[in-house]
């Protein structure tokens, strides 16, 4: 009864959603608008690549250095989208994120093809997913209670559903519906919530703006401005 069988495009939340949709979908699209997916879009759009890592801890740093990656948070680059707008082409950036990066790894373990989507690249990611074939699962990452939005802490609280990821998933769902695919009720509801003007006033948008990062919200709220469709291959998004 928990499956969304019979629909081309399905939606669920967080790690539990990955586990459920990973059993029935050929493609999983990880949507973490503020900020993993948006930052990944900007890096890939400039010809770079992203190595998703859960934390910038000893294990994450060791993995990044073994891959020859620049580690976000140790240089001028961070999880903030505004920090990577001028990232040099060819850069491999290790991007710590307890939400988006963790879900990318979990999604890959299901055997599905994994894409990273946001508002900026909604149509591009939809086109890539349609090309791969379905069923297609939209994974709204959500935030975590008790975790700093930039993943600086090491606590990992329960899922907090958030407006930005529902809207990001909805924008991709709308693009897929426009290509003739059927949407589950969950995906269709997300489509109806898309309003990029609301991003600045939702909880996560206000949190960033009030901490001086309103520019990151502005970048994340841009709809269909990117042709990048980051896809995970051998642990790297490119």
C-alpha atoms as a PDB file:
ATOM      1  CA  UNK A   1       0.000   0.000   0.000  1.00  0.00           C
ATOM      2  CA  UNK A   2       3.004   2.340   0.440  1.00  0.00           C
ATOM      3  CA  UNK A   3       4.011   2.139  -3.232  1.00  0.00           C
ATOM      4  CA  UNK A   4       2.945   4.615  -5.914  1.00  0.00           C
ATOM      5  CA  UNK A   5       2.679   1.900  -8.554  1.00  0.00           C
ATOM      6  CA  UNK A   6       1.088   2.768 -11.876  1.00  0.00           C
ATOM      7  CA  UNK A   7       2.527   6.274 -12.214  1.00  0.00           C
ATOM      8  CA  UNK A   8       5.532   7.330 -14.282  1.00  0.00           C
ATOM      9  CA  UNK A   9       6.662   9.945 -11.740  1.00  0.00           C
ATOM     10  CA  UNK A  10       6.516   9.414  -7.969  1.00  0.00           C
ATOM     11  CA  UNK A  11       7.579  11.482  -4.957  1.00  0.00           C
ATOM     12  CA  UNK A  12       8.718  10.718  -1.437  1.00  0.00           C
ATOM     13  CA  UNK A  13      10.870  12.260   1.293  1.00  0.00           C
ATOM     14  CA  UNK A  14      14.343  11.664   2.689  1.00  0.00           C
ATOM     15  CA  UNK A  15      16.136   8.392   3.324  1.00  0.00           C
ATOM     16  CA  UNK A  16      12.894   6.516   3.877  1.00  0.00           C
ATOM     17  CA  UNK A  17      11.665   7.739   0.508  1.00  0.00           C
ATOM     18  CA  UNK A  18      14.869   6.559  -1.143  1.00  0.00           C
ATOM     19  CA  UNK A  19      14.378   3.105   0.349  1.00  0.00           C
ATOM     20  CA  UNK A  20      10.787   2.868  -0.902  1.00  0.00           C
ATOM     21  CA  UNK A  21      11.167   4.436  -4.343  1.00  0.00           C
ATOM     22  CA  UNK A  22      14.532   2.758  -4.898  1.00  0.00           C
ATOM     23  CA  UNK A  23      12.683  -0.563  -5.090  1.00  0.00           C
ATOM     24  CA  UNK A  24      10.413   0.598  -7.894  1.00  0.00           C
ATOM     25  CA  UNK A  25      12.158   3.407  -9.832  1.00  0.00           C
ATOM     26  CA  UNK A  26      14.882   3.321 -12.473  1.00  0.00           C
ATOM     27  CA  UNK A  27      15.847   6.941 -11.749  1.00  0.00           C
ATOM     28  CA  UNK A  28      15.998   8.806  -8.437  1.00  0.00           C
ATOM     29  CA  UNK A  29      16.310  12.604  -8.466  1.00  0.00           C
ATOM     30  CA  UNK A  30      17.683  14.081  -5.244  1.00  0.00           C
ATOM     31  CA  UNK A  31      16.232  17.531  -4.575  1.00  0.00           C
ATOM     32  CA  UNK A  32      18.014  19.583  -1.885  1.00  0.00           C
ATOM     33  CA  UNK A  33      17.398  23.168  -2.998  1.00  0.00           C
ATOM     34  CA  UNK A  34      19.062  24.922  -0.031  1.00  0.00           C
ATOM     35  CA  UNK A  35      21.743  24.173  -0.805  1.00  0.00           C
ATOM     36  CA  UNK A  36      23.386  20.935  -2.037  1.00  0.00           C
ATOM     37  CA  UNK A  37      21.548  20.541  -5.347  1.00  0.00           C
ATOM     38  CA  UNK A  38      21.786  24.231  -6.224  1.00  0.00           C
ATOM     39  CA  UNK A  39      25.513  24.362  -5.509  1.00  0.00           C
ATOM     40  CA  UNK A  40      26.018  21.147  -7.475  1.00  0.00           C
ATOM     41  CA  UNK A  41      24.149  22.645 -10.427  1.00  0.00           C
ATOM     42  CA  UNK A  42      26.394  25.716 -10.402  1.00  0.00           C
ATOM     43  CA  UNK A  43      29.595  23.633 -10.203  1.00  0.00           C
ATOM     44  CA  UNK A  44      28.572  21.245 -12.983  1.00  0.00           C
ATOM     45  CA  UNK A  45      27.262  24.124 -15.081  1.00  0.00           C
ATOM     46  CA  UNK A  46      30.765  25.604 -15.042  1.00  0.00           C
ATOM     47  CA  UNK A  47      32.363  22.338 -16.126  1.00  0.00           C
ATOM     48  CA  UNK A  48      33.246  21.049 -12.668  1.00  0.00           C
ATOM     49  CA  UNK A  49      32.325  17.888 -10.781  1.00  0.00           C
ATOM     50  CA  UNK A  50      31.025  17.215  -7.272  1.00  0.00           C
ATOM     51  CA  UNK A  51      32.044  14.448  -4.880  1.00  0.00           C
ATOM     52  CA  UNK A  52      29.177  14.137  -2.370  1.00  0.00           C
ATOM     53  CA  UNK A  53      30.330  13.505   1.204  1.00  0.00           C
ATOM     54  CA  UNK A  54      28.147  13.424   4.302  1.00  0.00           C
ATOM     55  CA  UNK A  55      30.386  15.349   6.713  1.00  0.00           C
ATOM     56  CA  UNK A  56      33.622  17.302   6.545  1.00  0.00           C
ATOM     57  CA  UNK A  57      35.053  14.952   9.173  1.00  0.00           C
ATOM     58  CA  UNK A  58      38.159  12.732   9.112  1.00  0.00           C
ATOM     59  CA  UNK A  59      36.472  10.124   6.958  1.00  0.00           C
ATOM     60  CA  UNK A  60      35.059  12.671   4.512  1.00  0.00           C
ATOM     61  CA  UNK A  61      38.355  14.528   4.239  1.00  0.00           C
ATOM     62  CA  UNK A  62      40.280  11.293   3.660  1.00  0.00           C
ATOM     63  CA  UNK A  63      37.867  10.266   0.909  1.00  0.00           C
ATOM     64  CA  UNK A  64      38.102  13.675  -0.735  1.00  0.00           C
ATOM     65  CA  UNK A  65      41.899  13.745  -0.660  1.00  0.00           C
ATOM     66  CA  UNK A  66      42.104  10.215  -2.045  1.00  0.00           C
ATOM     67  CA  UNK A  67      39.993  11.406  -4.990  1.00  0.00           C
ATOM     68  CA  UNK A  68      42.124  14.504  -5.488  1.00  0.00           C
ATOM     69  CA  UNK A  69      39.199  16.789  -4.673  1.00  0.00           C
ATOM     70  CA  UNK A  70      39.145  20.327  -3.359  1.00  0.00           C
ATOM     71  CA  UNK A  71      37.289  20.200  -0.037  1.00  0.00           C
ATOM     72  CA  UNK A  72      34.473  22.676   0.458  1.00  0.00           C
ATOM     73  CA  UNK A  73      35.004  24.556   3.690  1.00  0.00           C
ATOM     74  CA  UNK A  74      38.795  24.375   3.558  1.00  0.00           C
ATOM     75  CA  UNK A  75      39.184  26.861   0.717  1.00  0.00           C
ATOM     76  CA  UNK A  76      37.035  29.677  -0.658  1.00  0.00           C
ATOM     77  CA  UNK A  77      34.394  27.172  -1.749  1.00  0.00           C
ATOM     78  CA  UNK A  78      31.612  26.073   0.621  1.00  0.00           C
ATOM     79  CA  UNK A  79      28.133  24.562   0.443  1.00  0.00           C
ATOM     80  CA  UNK A  80      26.807  28.059  -0.254  1.00  0.00           C
ATOM     81  CA  UNK A  81      25.842  28.520  -3.932  1.00  0.00           C
ATOM     82  CA  UNK A  82      27.330  32.018  -4.054  1.00  0.00           C
ATOM     83  CA  UNK A  83      30.771  30.615  -3.213  1.00  0.00           C
ATOM     84  CA  UNK A  84      31.021  28.590  -6.440  1.00  0.00           C
ATOM     85  CA  UNK A  85      29.743  31.006  -9.088  1.00  0.00           C
ATOM     86  CA  UNK A  86      33.310  31.503 -10.341  1.00  0.00           C
ATOM     87  CA  UNK A  87      34.683  28.011  -9.633  1.00  0.00           C
ATOM     88  CA  UNK A  88      37.276  27.066 -12.282  1.00  0.00           C
ATOM     89  CA  UNK A  89      36.159  24.527 -14.897  1.00  0.00           C
ATOM     90  CA  UNK A  90      37.515  21.056 -14.218  1.00  0.00           C
ATOM     91  CA  UNK A  91      37.420  21.422 -10.432  1.00  0.00           C
ATOM     92  CA  UNK A  92      36.426  18.325  -8.463  1.00  0.00           C
ATOM     93  CA  UNK A  93      34.733  19.710  -5.353  1.00  0.00           C
ATOM     94  CA  UNK A  94      34.068  17.501  -2.320  1.00  0.00           C
ATOM     95  CA  UNK A  95      30.756  18.870  -1.061  1.00  0.00           C
ATOM     96  CA  UNK A  96      29.739  17.903   2.495  1.00  0.00           C
ATOM     97  CA  UNK A  97      25.984  17.768   3.040  1.00  0.00           C
ATOM     98  CA  UNK A  98      24.159  15.627   5.601  1.00  0.00           C
ATOM     99  CA  UNK A  99      21.028  15.778   3.430  1.00  0.00           C
ATOM    100  CA  UNK A 100      21.699  15.855  -0.321  1.00  0.00           C
ATOM    101  CA  UNK A 101      25.074  14.107  -0.337  1.00  0.00           C
ATOM    102  CA  UNK A 102      23.907  11.386   2.038  1.00  0.00           C
ATOM    103  CA  UNK A 103      20.826  10.724  -0.076  1.00  0.00           C
ATOM    104  CA  UNK A 104      22.893  10.517  -3.265  1.00  0.00           C
ATOM    105  CA  UNK A 105      24.937   7.730  -1.718  1.00  0.00           C
ATOM    106  CA  UNK A 106      21.846   5.909  -0.444  1.00  0.00           C
ATOM    107  CA  UNK A 107      20.120   6.261  -3.812  1.00  0.00           C
ATOM    108  CA  UNK A 108      23.114   4.824  -5.655  1.00  0.00           C
ATOM    109  CA  UNK A 109      22.994   1.749  -3.422  1.00  0.00           C
ATOM    110  CA  UNK A 110      19.491   0.935  -4.716  1.00  0.00           C
ATOM    111  CA  UNK A 111      20.835   0.444  -8.246  1.00  0.00           C
ATOM    112  CA  UNK A 112      18.869   3.400  -9.652  1.00  0.00           C
ATOM    113  CA  UNK A 113      20.474   6.101 -11.768  1.00  0.00           C
ATOM    114  CA  UNK A 114      20.893   9.182  -9.590  1.00  0.00           C
ATOM    115  CA  UNK A 115      20.454  12.827 -10.609  1.00  0.00           C
ATOM    116  CA  UNK A 116      20.685  16.025  -8.554  1.00  0.00           C
ATOM    117  CA  UNK A 117      17.872  18.468  -9.265  1.00  0.00           C
ATOM    118  CA  UNK A 118      16.770  21.910  -8.129  1.00  0.00           C
ATOM    119  CA  UNK A 119      14.722  24.842  -9.381  1.00  0.00           C
ATOM    120  CA  UNK A 120      17.558  26.131 -11.559  1.00  0.00           C
ATOM    121  CA  UNK A 121      17.878  22.959 -13.631  1.00  0.00           C
ATOM    122  CA  UNK A 122      14.372  21.493 -13.343  1.00  0.00           C
ATOM    123  CA  UNK A 123      13.713  21.098 -17.074  1.00  0.00           C
ATOM    124  CA  UNK A 124      17.241  19.888 -17.858  1.00  0.00           C
ATOM    125  CA  UNK A 125      17.084  17.210 -15.170  1.00  0.00           C
ATOM    126  CA  UNK A 126      13.598  16.181 -16.280  1.00  0.00           C
ATOM    127  CA  UNK A 127      14.850  15.766 -19.855  1.00  0.00           C
ATOM    128  CA  UNK A 128      17.774  13.613 -18.709  1.00  0.00           C
ATOM    129  CA  UNK A 129      15.536  11.447 -16.525  1.00  0.00           C
ATOM    130  CA  UNK A 130      13.062  10.997 -19.392  1.00  0.00           C
ATOM    131  CA  UNK A 131      15.945   9.971 -21.643  1.00  0.00           C
ATOM    132  CA  UNK A 132      17.102   7.310 -19.149  1.00  0.00           C
ATOM    133  CA  UNK A 133      13.590   5.931 -18.708  1.00  0.00           C
ATOM    134  CA  UNK A 134      11.280   5.337 -15.799  1.00  0.00           C
ATOM    135  CA  UNK A 135       9.674   5.020 -13.445  1.00  0.00           C
ATOM    136  CA  UNK A 136      11.182   8.213 -12.037  1.00  0.00           C
ATOM    137  CA  UNK A 137      11.334   8.958  -8.312  1.00  0.00           C
ATOM    138  CA  UNK A 138      11.552  12.505  -6.973  1.00  0.00           C
ATOM    139  CA  UNK A 139      13.246  12.566  -3.564  1.00  0.00           C
ATOM    140  CA  UNK A 140      12.588  15.763  -1.627  1.00  0.00           C
ATOM    141  CA  UNK A 141      15.528  15.801   0.783  1.00  0.00           C
ATOM    142  CA  UNK A 142      13.995  17.875   3.537  1.00  0.00           C
ATOM    143  CA  UNK A 143      15.968  19.499   6.310  1.00  0.00           C
ATOM    144  CA  UNK A 144      16.932  17.950   9.643  1.00  0.00           C
ATOM    145  CA  UNK A 145      15.927  19.187  13.052  1.00  0.00           C
ATOM    146  CA  UNK A 146      19.006  20.109  15.064  1.00  0.00           C
ATOM    147  CA  UNK A 147      21.407  20.308  12.104  1.00  0.00           C
ATOM    148  CA  UNK A 148      22.926  23.566  10.912  1.00  0.00           C
ATOM    149  CA  UNK A 149      21.731  24.228   7.374  1.00  0.00           C
ATOM    150  CA  UNK A 150      25.295  24.120   6.052  1.00  0.00           C
ATOM    151  CA  UNK A 151      26.070  20.827   7.778  1.00  0.00           C
ATOM    152  CA  UNK A 152      28.617  22.238  10.192  1.00  0.00           C
ATOM    153  CA  UNK A 153      27.317  20.162  13.096  1.00  0.00           C
ATOM    154  CA  UNK A 154      27.462  16.432  13.570  1.00  0.00           C
ATOM    155  CA  UNK A 155      24.003  15.801  14.960  1.00  0.00           C
ATOM    156  CA  UNK A 156      21.424  14.332  12.617  1.00  0.00           C
ATOM    157  CA  UNK A 157      17.903  14.923  13.835  1.00  0.00           C
ATOM    158  CA  UNK A 158      14.595  13.720  12.381  1.00  0.00           C
ATOM    159  CA  UNK A 159      13.335  14.852   9.003  1.00  0.00           C
ATOM    160  CA  UNK A 160      11.804  18.318   8.705  1.00  0.00           C
ATOM    161  CA  UNK A 161       9.762  18.552   5.476  1.00  0.00           C
ATOM    162  CA  UNK A 162      10.469  21.904   3.847  1.00  0.00           C
ATOM    163  CA  UNK A 163       8.814  24.132   1.273  1.00  0.00           C
ATOM    164  CA  UNK A 164      11.894  24.601  -0.897  1.00  0.00           C
ATOM    165  CA  UNK A 165      12.423  20.916  -1.631  1.00  0.00           C
ATOM    166  CA  UNK A 166       8.744  20.313  -2.288  1.00  0.00           C
ATOM    167  CA  UNK A 167       8.814  23.202  -4.774  1.00  0.00           C
ATOM    168  CA  UNK A 168      12.014  21.940  -6.401  1.00  0.00           C
ATOM    169  CA  UNK A 169      10.548  18.471  -6.819  1.00  0.00           C
ATOM    170  CA  UNK A 170       7.355  20.056  -8.113  1.00  0.00           C
ATOM    171  CA  UNK A 171       9.192  22.054 -10.768  1.00  0.00           C
ATOM    172  CA  UNK A 172      10.854  18.871 -12.042  1.00  0.00           C
ATOM    173  CA  UNK A 173       7.527  17.048 -11.868  1.00  0.00           C
ATOM    174  CA  UNK A 174       5.882  19.768 -13.943  1.00  0.00           C
ATOM    175  CA  UNK A 175       8.568  19.440 -16.592  1.00  0.00           C
ATOM    176  CA  UNK A 176       8.087  15.658 -16.668  1.00  0.00           C
ATOM    177  CA  UNK A 177       4.317  16.033 -16.939  1.00  0.00           C
ATOM    178  CA  UNK A 178       4.940  18.357 -19.869  1.00  0.00           C
ATOM    179  CA  UNK A 179       6.740  15.458 -21.537  1.00  0.00           C
ATOM    180  CA  UNK A 180       3.658  13.295 -21.258  1.00  0.00           C
ATOM    181  CA  UNK A 181       4.473  11.368 -18.074  1.00  0.00           C
ATOM    182  CA  UNK A 182       1.839  10.599 -15.463  1.00  0.00           C
ATOM    183  CA  UNK A 183       2.278  11.921 -11.921  1.00  0.00           C
ATOM    184  CA  UNK A 184       1.315  10.214  -8.681  1.00  0.00           C
ATOM    185  CA  UNK A 185      -0.934  12.282  -6.387  1.00  0.00           C
ATOM    186  CA  UNK A 186       2.140  13.035  -4.232  1.00  0.00           C
ATOM    187  CA  UNK A 187       4.100  14.358  -7.221  1.00  0.00           C
ATOM    188  CA  UNK A 188       1.101  16.247  -8.566  1.00  0.00           C
ATOM    189  CA  UNK A 189       0.589  17.990  -5.229  1.00  0.00           C
ATOM    190  CA  UNK A 190       4.223  19.152  -5.297  1.00  0.00           C
ATOM    191  CA  UNK A 191       3.686  20.602  -8.782  1.00  0.00           C
ATOM    192  CA  UNK A 192       0.858  22.726  -7.394  1.00  0.00           C
ATOM    193  CA  UNK A 193       3.144  24.271  -4.750  1.00  0.00           C
ATOM    194  CA  UNK A 194       5.735  25.786  -7.096  1.00  0.00           C
ATOM    195  CA  UNK A 195       6.061  29.497  -6.336  1.00  0.00           C
ATOM    196  CA  UNK A 196       9.657  30.687  -6.465  1.00  0.00           C
ATOM    197  CA  UNK A 197       8.687  34.032  -4.952  1.00  0.00           C
ATOM    198  CA  UNK A 198       7.912  32.162  -1.712  1.00  0.00           C
ATOM    199  CA  UNK A 199      11.436  30.807  -1.339  1.00  0.00           C
ATOM    200  CA  UNK A 200      12.731  33.859   0.501  1.00  0.00           C
ATOM    201  CA  UNK A 201       9.874  33.798   3.006  1.00  0.00           C
ATOM    202  CA  UNK A 202       9.834  30.073   3.825  1.00  0.00           C
ATOM    203  CA  UNK A 203      11.585  28.917   7.020  1.00  0.00           C
ATOM    204  CA  UNK A 204      14.846  27.893   5.358  1.00  0.00           C
ATOM    205  CA  UNK A 205      14.932  30.999   3.163  1.00  0.00           C
ATOM    206  CA  UNK A 206      14.444  33.276   6.169  1.00  0.00           C
ATOM    207  CA  UNK A 207      17.112  31.388   8.101  1.00  0.00           C
ATOM    208  CA  UNK A 208      19.657  32.017   5.365  1.00  0.00           C
ATOM    209  CA  UNK A 209      18.624  35.616   4.731  1.00  0.00           C
ATOM    210  CA  UNK A 210      18.727  36.512   8.418  1.00  0.00           C
ATOM    211  CA  UNK A 211      22.231  35.038   8.683  1.00  0.00           C
ATOM    212  CA  UNK A 212      23.429  37.249   5.821  1.00  0.00           C
ATOM    213  CA  UNK A 213      23.105  34.748   2.968  1.00  0.00           C
ATOM    214  CA  UNK A 214      20.181  36.183   1.038  1.00  0.00           C
ATOM    215  CA  UNK A 215      22.199  35.997  -2.161  1.00  0.00           C
ATOM    216  CA  UNK A 216      22.196  32.208  -1.905  1.00  0.00           C
ATOM    217  CA  UNK A 217      18.408  32.211  -1.697  1.00  0.00           C
ATOM    218  CA  UNK A 218      18.235  34.408  -4.793  1.00  0.00           C
ATOM    219  CA  UNK A 219      20.441  32.006  -6.738  1.00  0.00           C
ATOM    220  CA  UNK A 220      18.404  29.009  -5.584  1.00  0.00           C
ATOM    221  CA  UNK A 221      15.100  30.657  -6.573  1.00  0.00           C
ATOM    222  CA  UNK A 222      16.011  31.020 -10.248  1.00  0.00           C
ATOM    223  CA  UNK A 223      13.833  28.676 -12.317  1.00  0.00           C
ATOM    224  CA  UNK A 224      15.126  26.869 -15.421  1.00  0.00           C
ATOM    225  CA  UNK A 225      18.221  29.010 -15.937  1.00  0.00           C
ATOM    226  CA  UNK A 226      20.620  26.045 -16.213  1.00  0.00           C
ATOM    227  CA  UNK A 227      21.175  23.281 -18.763  1.00  0.00           C
ATOM    228  CA  UNK A 228      23.179  21.167 -16.309  1.00  0.00           C
ATOM    229  CA  UNK A 229      21.796  17.757 -15.351  1.00  0.00           C
ATOM    230  CA  UNK A 230      24.243  16.368 -12.765  1.00  0.00           C
ATOM    231  CA  UNK A 231      24.264  12.557 -12.807  1.00  0.00           C
ATOM    232  CA  UNK A 232      26.118  10.326 -10.369  1.00  0.00           C
ATOM    233  CA  UNK A 233      28.721   8.038 -11.917  1.00  0.00           C
ATOM    234  CA  UNK A 234      31.332   6.182  -9.870  1.00  0.00           C
ATOM    235  CA  UNK A 235      30.468   8.348  -6.886  1.00  0.00           C
ATOM    236  CA  UNK A 236      30.837  11.706  -8.660  1.00  0.00           C
ATOM    237  CA  UNK A 237      28.188  14.094  -9.962  1.00  0.00           C
ATOM    238  CA  UNK A 238      28.995  15.541 -13.380  1.00  0.00           C
END
